Amino acid sequence: MRNDGDGEAHTFKVALDEDSHPDNLPVDTRTVSRLKPGQTITVNFNRKADSPQGYWFMADFNHVIGESREDNNTHHSVLWEADLIVEKVTNEPEEPKIGQVVTWEVLIRNDGRGNARDFHVAFDSDPDPAVDPLQTRLVGLLGPGEKKSVQFNRKSSADEPDYWILIDSRDAVSETNENNNVKRTGISITDPG
């Protein structure tokens, strides 16, 4: 922790918490007796690292020090990363006629030990689904070991025999393996006549 202000900070507390509100009933605190302008110190918390959401730290969590900026006192640290994988892709109907709407269901899973938050799943008709995909879906949260389905609807076309699904298409989630997020799938189209 560093004091970027011009004044000395006397006797304040640093909070550790397992949710995003370290100023409200933190799980642990440490007292810092003095922090001079420009000074950097280390505050240690000894505990078992078992929070899958990570930990939030907050300097002066009970707001006893007057500061020039109050918006830079919190830091979030994630200890584990997610690993997002396309487990399965199904389409209904399985053999559509040209022009028939097909529902694509994509089952995704998180094989990592960390949460995956606010990531997009892209659906595209070319092998680069990160660039200008046909459709995207936002997934708010996928915890460790969890699975979730997302759906896409698209009219079948003889010009689009294959599709690509890309998890975390905007690269928002830090993962243990970034090379297993794409799956190619295709359909058998029947003649409408």
C-alpha atoms as a PDB file:
ATOM      1  CA  MET A   1       0.000   0.000   0.000  1.00  0.00           C
ATOM      2  CA  ARG A   2       1.230   3.492  -0.843  1.00  0.00           C
ATOM      3  CA  ASN A   3       0.366   6.986   0.326  1.00  0.00           C
ATOM      4  CA  ASP A   4       0.080   9.142  -2.818  1.00  0.00           C
ATOM      5  CA  GLY A   5      -1.141  12.178  -0.896  1.00  0.00           C
ATOM      6  CA  ASP A   6       0.738  15.130   0.577  1.00  0.00           C
ATOM      7  CA  GLY A   7      -0.235  14.432   4.182  1.00  0.00           C
ATOM      8  CA  GLU A   8       0.738  11.752   6.653  1.00  0.00           C
ATOM      9  CA  ALA A   9      -1.878   9.115   7.490  1.00  0.00           C
ATOM     10  CA  HIS A  10      -2.060   8.211  11.182  1.00  0.00           C
ATOM     11  CA  THR A  11      -3.710   5.091  12.613  1.00  0.00           C
ATOM     12  CA  PHE A  12      -6.082   3.570  10.089  1.00  0.00           C
ATOM     13  CA  LYS A  13      -7.254   0.055   9.328  1.00  0.00           C
ATOM     14  CA  VAL A  14      -6.896  -2.137   6.252  1.00  0.00           C
ATOM     15  CA  ALA A  15      -9.707  -4.624   5.616  1.00  0.00           C
ATOM     16  CA  LEU A  16      -9.736  -8.062   3.982  1.00  0.00           C
ATOM     17  CA  ASP A  17     -13.044  -9.443   2.758  1.00  0.00           C
ATOM     18  CA  GLU A  18     -14.480 -12.241   0.605  1.00  0.00           C
ATOM     19  CA  ASP A  19     -17.072 -10.028  -1.097  1.00  0.00           C
ATOM     20  CA  SER A  20     -16.980  -6.725  -2.948  1.00  0.00           C
ATOM     21  CA  HIS A  21     -17.912  -4.702   0.153  1.00  0.00           C
ATOM     22  CA  PRO A  22     -14.818  -4.749   2.375  1.00  0.00           C
ATOM     23  CA  ASP A  23     -16.108  -1.658   4.179  1.00  0.00           C
ATOM     24  CA  ASN A  24     -19.061  -3.679   5.549  1.00  0.00           C
ATOM     25  CA  LEU A  25     -18.159  -6.369   8.107  1.00  0.00           C
ATOM     26  CA  PRO A  26     -14.771  -7.436   6.710  1.00  0.00           C
ATOM     27  CA  VAL A  27     -13.500 -10.890   7.673  1.00  0.00           C
ATOM     28  CA  ASP A  28     -10.183  -9.500   8.955  1.00  0.00           C
ATOM     29  CA  THR A  29      -8.446  -6.154   9.568  1.00  0.00           C
ATOM     30  CA  ARG A  30      -4.955  -4.862  10.295  1.00  0.00           C
ATOM     31  CA  THR A  31      -4.006  -1.536  11.872  1.00  0.00           C
ATOM     32  CA  VAL A  32      -1.451   0.719  10.242  1.00  0.00           C
ATOM     33  CA  SER A  33      -0.035   3.210  12.755  1.00  0.00           C
ATOM     34  CA  ARG A  34       1.562   5.624  10.287  1.00  0.00           C
ATOM     35  CA  LEU A  35       2.059   6.063   6.530  1.00  0.00           C
ATOM     36  CA  LYS A  36       4.145   9.028   5.333  1.00  0.00           C
ATOM     37  CA  PRO A  37       3.622  10.756   1.953  1.00  0.00           C
ATOM     38  CA  GLY A  38       5.175   8.635  -0.802  1.00  0.00           C
ATOM     39  CA  GLN A  39       5.794   5.728   1.582  1.00  0.00           C
ATOM     40  CA  THR A  40       4.924   2.155   0.581  1.00  0.00           C
ATOM     41  CA  ILE A  41       4.282  -0.612   3.119  1.00  0.00           C
ATOM     42  CA  THR A  42       3.180  -4.232   3.028  1.00  0.00           C
ATOM     43  CA  VAL A  43       0.214  -5.363   5.118  1.00  0.00           C
ATOM     44  CA  ASN A  44       0.031  -9.132   5.661  1.00  0.00           C
ATOM     45  CA  PHE A  45      -3.039 -11.283   6.224  1.00  0.00           C
ATOM     46  CA  ASN A  46      -2.451 -14.926   7.128  1.00  0.00           C
ATOM     47  CA  ARG A  47      -5.358 -17.184   6.254  1.00  0.00           C
ATOM     48  CA  LYS A  48      -6.281 -20.224   4.205  1.00  0.00           C
ATOM     49  CA  ALA A  49      -6.758 -19.202   0.555  1.00  0.00           C
ATOM     50  CA  ASP A  50     -10.140 -20.797  -0.081  1.00  0.00           C
ATOM     51  CA  SER A  51     -12.363 -18.062  -1.520  1.00  0.00           C
ATOM     52  CA  PRO A  52     -13.198 -18.885  -5.164  1.00  0.00           C
ATOM     53  CA  GLN A  53     -14.275 -15.250  -5.750  1.00  0.00           C
ATOM     54  CA  GLY A  54     -10.899 -13.994  -4.551  1.00  0.00           C
ATOM     55  CA  TYR A  55     -10.327 -11.332  -1.912  1.00  0.00           C
ATOM     56  CA  TRP A  56     -11.004  -7.622  -1.633  1.00  0.00           C
ATOM     57  CA  PHE A  57      -8.635  -5.343   0.263  1.00  0.00           C
ATOM     58  CA  MET A  58      -9.480  -1.819   1.361  1.00  0.00           C
ATOM     59  CA  ALA A  59      -7.262   0.829   2.931  1.00  0.00           C
ATOM     60  CA  ASP A  60      -8.985   2.994   5.537  1.00  0.00           C
ATOM     61  CA  PHE A  61     -12.143   0.870   5.250  1.00  0.00           C
ATOM     62  CA  ASN A  62     -13.837   2.764   8.101  1.00  0.00           C
ATOM     63  CA  HIS A  63     -13.057   6.178   6.539  1.00  0.00           C
ATOM     64  CA  VAL A  64     -11.162   7.825   9.405  1.00  0.00           C
ATOM     65  CA  ILE A  65      -8.529   9.493   7.173  1.00  0.00           C
ATOM     66  CA  GLY A  66      -9.420  12.533   5.061  1.00  0.00           C
ATOM     67  CA  GLU A  67      -8.060  11.888   1.576  1.00  0.00           C
ATOM     68  CA  SER A  68      -7.746  13.773  -1.688  1.00  0.00           C
ATOM     69  CA  ARG A  69      -9.086  10.636  -3.468  1.00  0.00           C
ATOM     70  CA  GLU A  70     -11.370   8.061  -1.888  1.00  0.00           C
ATOM     71  CA  ASP A  71     -11.951   6.032  -5.074  1.00  0.00           C
ATOM     72  CA  ASN A  72      -8.607   4.200  -5.133  1.00  0.00           C
ATOM     73  CA  ASN A  73      -8.626   2.421  -1.765  1.00  0.00           C
ATOM     74  CA  THR A  74      -9.929  -0.982  -2.897  1.00  0.00           C
ATOM     75  CA  HIS A  75      -8.146  -3.820  -4.681  1.00  0.00           C
ATOM     76  CA  HIS A  76      -9.563  -7.188  -5.792  1.00  0.00           C
ATOM     77  CA  SER A  77      -7.251 -10.187  -6.110  1.00  0.00           C
ATOM     78  CA  VAL A  78      -8.309 -13.479  -7.726  1.00  0.00           C
ATOM     79  CA  LEU A  79      -6.262 -16.510  -6.757  1.00  0.00           C
ATOM     80  CA  TRP A  80      -7.703 -18.985  -9.239  1.00  0.00           C
ATOM     81  CA  GLU A  81      -8.553 -18.728 -12.881  1.00  0.00           C
ATOM     82  CA  ALA A  82     -11.441 -20.100 -14.879  1.00  0.00           C
ATOM     83  CA  ASP A  83     -11.108 -22.522 -17.798  1.00  0.00           C
ATOM     84  CA  LEU A  84     -14.038 -22.191 -20.210  1.00  0.00           C
ATOM     85  CA  ILE A  85     -14.819 -25.027 -22.603  1.00  0.00           C
ATOM     86  CA  VAL A  86     -17.532 -25.773 -25.177  1.00  0.00           C
ATOM     87  CA  GLU A  87     -18.767 -29.158 -23.957  1.00  0.00           C
ATOM     88  CA  LYS A  88     -21.429 -29.801 -26.566  1.00  0.00           C
ATOM     89  CA  VAL A  89     -23.316 -28.146 -29.428  1.00  0.00           C
ATOM     90  CA  THR A  90     -26.701 -29.398 -30.602  1.00  0.00           C
ATOM     91  CA  ASN A  91     -29.096 -28.099 -33.228  1.00  0.00           C
ATOM     92  CA  GLU A  92     -32.841 -28.474 -33.615  1.00  0.00           C
ATOM     93  CA  PRO A  93     -34.014 -29.576 -36.072  1.00  0.00           C
ATOM     94  CA  GLU A  94     -31.061 -31.854 -36.716  1.00  0.00           C
ATOM     95  CA  GLU A  95     -31.563 -31.865 -40.512  1.00  0.00           C
ATOM     96  CA  PRO A  96     -33.297 -28.592 -41.384  1.00  0.00           C
ATOM     97  CA  LYS A  97     -34.617 -27.571 -44.752  1.00  0.00           C
ATOM     98  CA  ILE A  98     -33.078 -24.528 -46.448  1.00  0.00           C
ATOM     99  CA  GLY A  99     -34.589 -21.391 -44.931  1.00  0.00           C
ATOM    100  CA  GLN A 100     -35.805 -23.151 -41.780  1.00  0.00           C
ATOM    101  CA  VAL A 101     -34.867 -21.543 -38.456  1.00  0.00           C
ATOM    102  CA  VAL A 102     -32.392 -23.667 -36.518  1.00  0.00           C
ATOM    103  CA  THR A 103     -31.899 -23.352 -32.763  1.00  0.00           C
ATOM    104  CA  TRP A 104     -28.295 -23.969 -31.734  1.00  0.00           C
ATOM    105  CA  GLU A 105     -27.780 -24.883 -28.101  1.00  0.00           C
ATOM    106  CA  VAL A 106     -24.251 -24.516 -26.755  1.00  0.00           C
ATOM    107  CA  LEU A 107     -23.389 -26.166 -23.439  1.00  0.00           C
ATOM    108  CA  ILE A 108     -20.392 -24.464 -21.859  1.00  0.00           C
ATOM    109  CA  ARG A 109     -18.566 -25.423 -18.690  1.00  0.00           C
ATOM    110  CA  ASN A 110     -15.944 -23.995 -16.394  1.00  0.00           C
ATOM    111  CA  ASP A 111     -13.223 -26.537 -15.608  1.00  0.00           C
ATOM    112  CA  GLY A 112     -11.129 -23.976 -13.735  1.00  0.00           C
ATOM    113  CA  ARG A 113     -11.024 -23.123 -10.048  1.00  0.00           C
ATOM    114  CA  GLY A 114     -12.081 -19.483 -10.504  1.00  0.00           C
ATOM    115  CA  ASN A 115     -15.278 -17.716 -11.471  1.00  0.00           C
ATOM    116  CA  ALA A 116     -15.876 -16.479 -15.011  1.00  0.00           C
ATOM    117  CA  ARG A 117     -17.864 -13.239 -14.985  1.00  0.00           C
ATOM    118  CA  ASP A 118     -19.488 -11.140 -17.702  1.00  0.00           C
ATOM    119  CA  PHE A 119     -18.146 -12.902 -20.781  1.00  0.00           C
ATOM    120  CA  HIS A 120     -19.597 -13.246 -24.271  1.00  0.00           C
ATOM    121  CA  VAL A 121     -20.214 -16.345 -26.361  1.00  0.00           C
ATOM    122  CA  ALA A 122     -19.971 -15.669 -30.099  1.00  0.00           C
ATOM    123  CA  PHE A 123     -21.682 -17.548 -32.935  1.00  0.00           C
ATOM    124  CA  ASP A 124     -20.314 -17.082 -36.442  1.00  0.00           C
ATOM    125  CA  SER A 125     -20.214 -18.589 -39.940  1.00  0.00           C
ATOM    126  CA  ASP A 126     -16.478 -18.113 -40.434  1.00  0.00           C
ATOM    127  CA  PRO A 127     -13.407 -19.422 -38.580  1.00  0.00           C
ATOM    128  CA  ASP A 128     -12.740 -16.076 -36.822  1.00  0.00           C
ATOM    129  CA  PRO A 129     -15.766 -15.639 -34.552  1.00  0.00           C
ATOM    130  CA  ALA A 130     -14.038 -12.957 -32.445  1.00  0.00           C
ATOM    131  CA  VAL A 131     -14.318 -10.511 -35.372  1.00  0.00           C
ATOM    132  CA  ASP A 132     -17.834  -9.361 -36.261  1.00  0.00           C
ATOM    133  CA  PRO A 133     -19.759 -12.487 -35.144  1.00  0.00           C
ATOM    134  CA  LEU A 134     -23.303 -13.128 -36.353  1.00  0.00           C
ATOM    135  CA  GLN A 135     -24.618 -13.191 -32.775  1.00  0.00           C
ATOM    136  CA  THR A 136     -23.340 -13.004 -29.199  1.00  0.00           C
ATOM    137  CA  ARG A 137     -24.767 -13.898 -25.799  1.00  0.00           C
ATOM    138  CA  LEU A 138     -23.652 -12.479 -22.460  1.00  0.00           C
ATOM    139  CA  VAL A 139     -23.070 -14.883 -19.550  1.00  0.00           C
ATOM    140  CA  GLY A 140     -23.104 -13.106 -16.187  1.00  0.00           C
ATOM    141  CA  LEU A 141     -21.434 -15.757 -14.044  1.00  0.00           C
ATOM    142  CA  LEU A 142     -20.168 -19.315 -14.429  1.00  0.00           C
ATOM    143  CA  GLY A 143     -18.596 -20.719 -11.268  1.00  0.00           C
ATOM    144  CA  PRO A 144     -16.029 -23.498 -10.948  1.00  0.00           C
ATOM    145  CA  GLY A 145     -17.493 -26.826 -12.104  1.00  0.00           C
ATOM    146  CA  GLU A 146     -20.682 -25.190 -13.367  1.00  0.00           C
ATOM    147  CA  LYS A 147     -22.324 -25.591 -16.766  1.00  0.00           C
ATOM    148  CA  LYS A 148     -24.642 -23.271 -18.647  1.00  0.00           C
ATOM    149  CA  SER A 149     -26.471 -23.381 -21.977  1.00  0.00           C
ATOM    150  CA  VAL A 150     -26.826 -20.503 -24.394  1.00  0.00           C
ATOM    151  CA  GLN A 151     -28.943 -20.525 -27.548  1.00  0.00           C
ATOM    152  CA  PHE A 152     -28.652 -18.983 -30.988  1.00  0.00           C
ATOM    153  CA  ASN A 153     -31.293 -18.967 -33.737  1.00  0.00           C
ATOM    154  CA  ARG A 154     -30.300 -18.801 -37.405  1.00  0.00           C
ATOM    155  CA  LYS A 155     -32.040 -19.600 -40.698  1.00  0.00           C
ATOM    156  CA  SER A 156     -30.333 -22.500 -42.412  1.00  0.00           C
ATOM    157  CA  SER A 157     -28.572 -21.682 -45.652  1.00  0.00           C
ATOM    158  CA  ALA A 158     -26.634 -23.669 -48.220  1.00  0.00           C
ATOM    159  CA  ASP A 159     -24.007 -20.907 -47.976  1.00  0.00           C
ATOM    160  CA  GLU A 160     -23.458 -21.632 -44.260  1.00  0.00           C
ATOM    161  CA  PRO A 161     -22.755 -25.346 -43.748  1.00  0.00           C
ATOM    162  CA  ASP A 162     -20.430 -24.708 -40.792  1.00  0.00           C
ATOM    163  CA  TYR A 163     -20.522 -22.513 -37.703  1.00  0.00           C
ATOM    164  CA  TRP A 164     -17.971 -21.584 -35.052  1.00  0.00           C
ATOM    165  CA  ILE A 165     -18.681 -20.938 -31.392  1.00  0.00           C
ATOM    166  CA  LEU A 166     -16.190 -18.935 -29.337  1.00  0.00           C
ATOM    167  CA  ILE A 167     -16.425 -18.605 -25.562  1.00  0.00           C
ATOM    168  CA  ASP A 168     -15.102 -15.360 -24.066  1.00  0.00           C
ATOM    169  CA  SER A 169     -14.997 -13.753 -27.504  1.00  0.00           C
ATOM    170  CA  ARG A 170     -13.985 -10.368 -26.041  1.00  0.00           C
ATOM    171  CA  ASP A 171     -11.214 -11.898 -23.926  1.00  0.00           C
ATOM    172  CA  ALA A 172     -12.675 -10.642 -20.633  1.00  0.00           C
ATOM    173  CA  VAL A 173     -11.832 -13.704 -18.502  1.00  0.00           C
ATOM    174  CA  SER A 174      -8.369 -14.741 -17.401  1.00  0.00           C
ATOM    175  CA  GLU A 175      -8.108 -18.491 -18.014  1.00  0.00           C
ATOM    176  CA  THR A 176      -5.671 -21.299 -17.332  1.00  0.00           C
ATOM    177  CA  ASN A 177      -6.003 -22.359 -20.988  1.00  0.00           C
ATOM    178  CA  GLU A 178      -6.954 -19.763 -23.614  1.00  0.00           C
ATOM    179  CA  ASN A 179      -6.640 -22.272 -26.479  1.00  0.00           C
ATOM    180  CA  ASN A 180      -9.760 -24.394 -25.871  1.00  0.00           C
ATOM    181  CA  ASN A 181     -12.540 -21.833 -26.355  1.00  0.00           C
ATOM    182  CA  VAL A 182     -13.530 -22.528 -29.986  1.00  0.00           C
ATOM    183  CA  LYS A 183     -15.694 -25.281 -31.433  1.00  0.00           C
ATOM    184  CA  ARG A 184     -16.653 -25.876 -35.050  1.00  0.00           C
ATOM    185  CA  THR A 185     -19.980 -27.449 -35.859  1.00  0.00           C
ATOM    186  CA  GLY A 186     -22.012 -28.086 -38.981  1.00  0.00           C
ATOM    187  CA  ILE A 187     -25.418 -29.195 -40.219  1.00  0.00           C
ATOM    188  CA  SER A 188     -26.863 -31.392 -42.913  1.00  0.00           C
ATOM    189  CA  ILE A 189     -29.359 -29.359 -44.898  1.00  0.00           C
ATOM    190  CA  THR A 190     -32.143 -31.091 -46.805  1.00  0.00           C
ATOM    191  CA  ASP A 191     -33.612 -29.780 -50.013  1.00  0.00           C
ATOM    192  CA  PRO A 192     -36.958 -28.027 -49.393  1.00  0.00           C
ATOM    193  CA  GLY A 193     -38.501 -29.703 -52.445  1.00  0.00           C
END
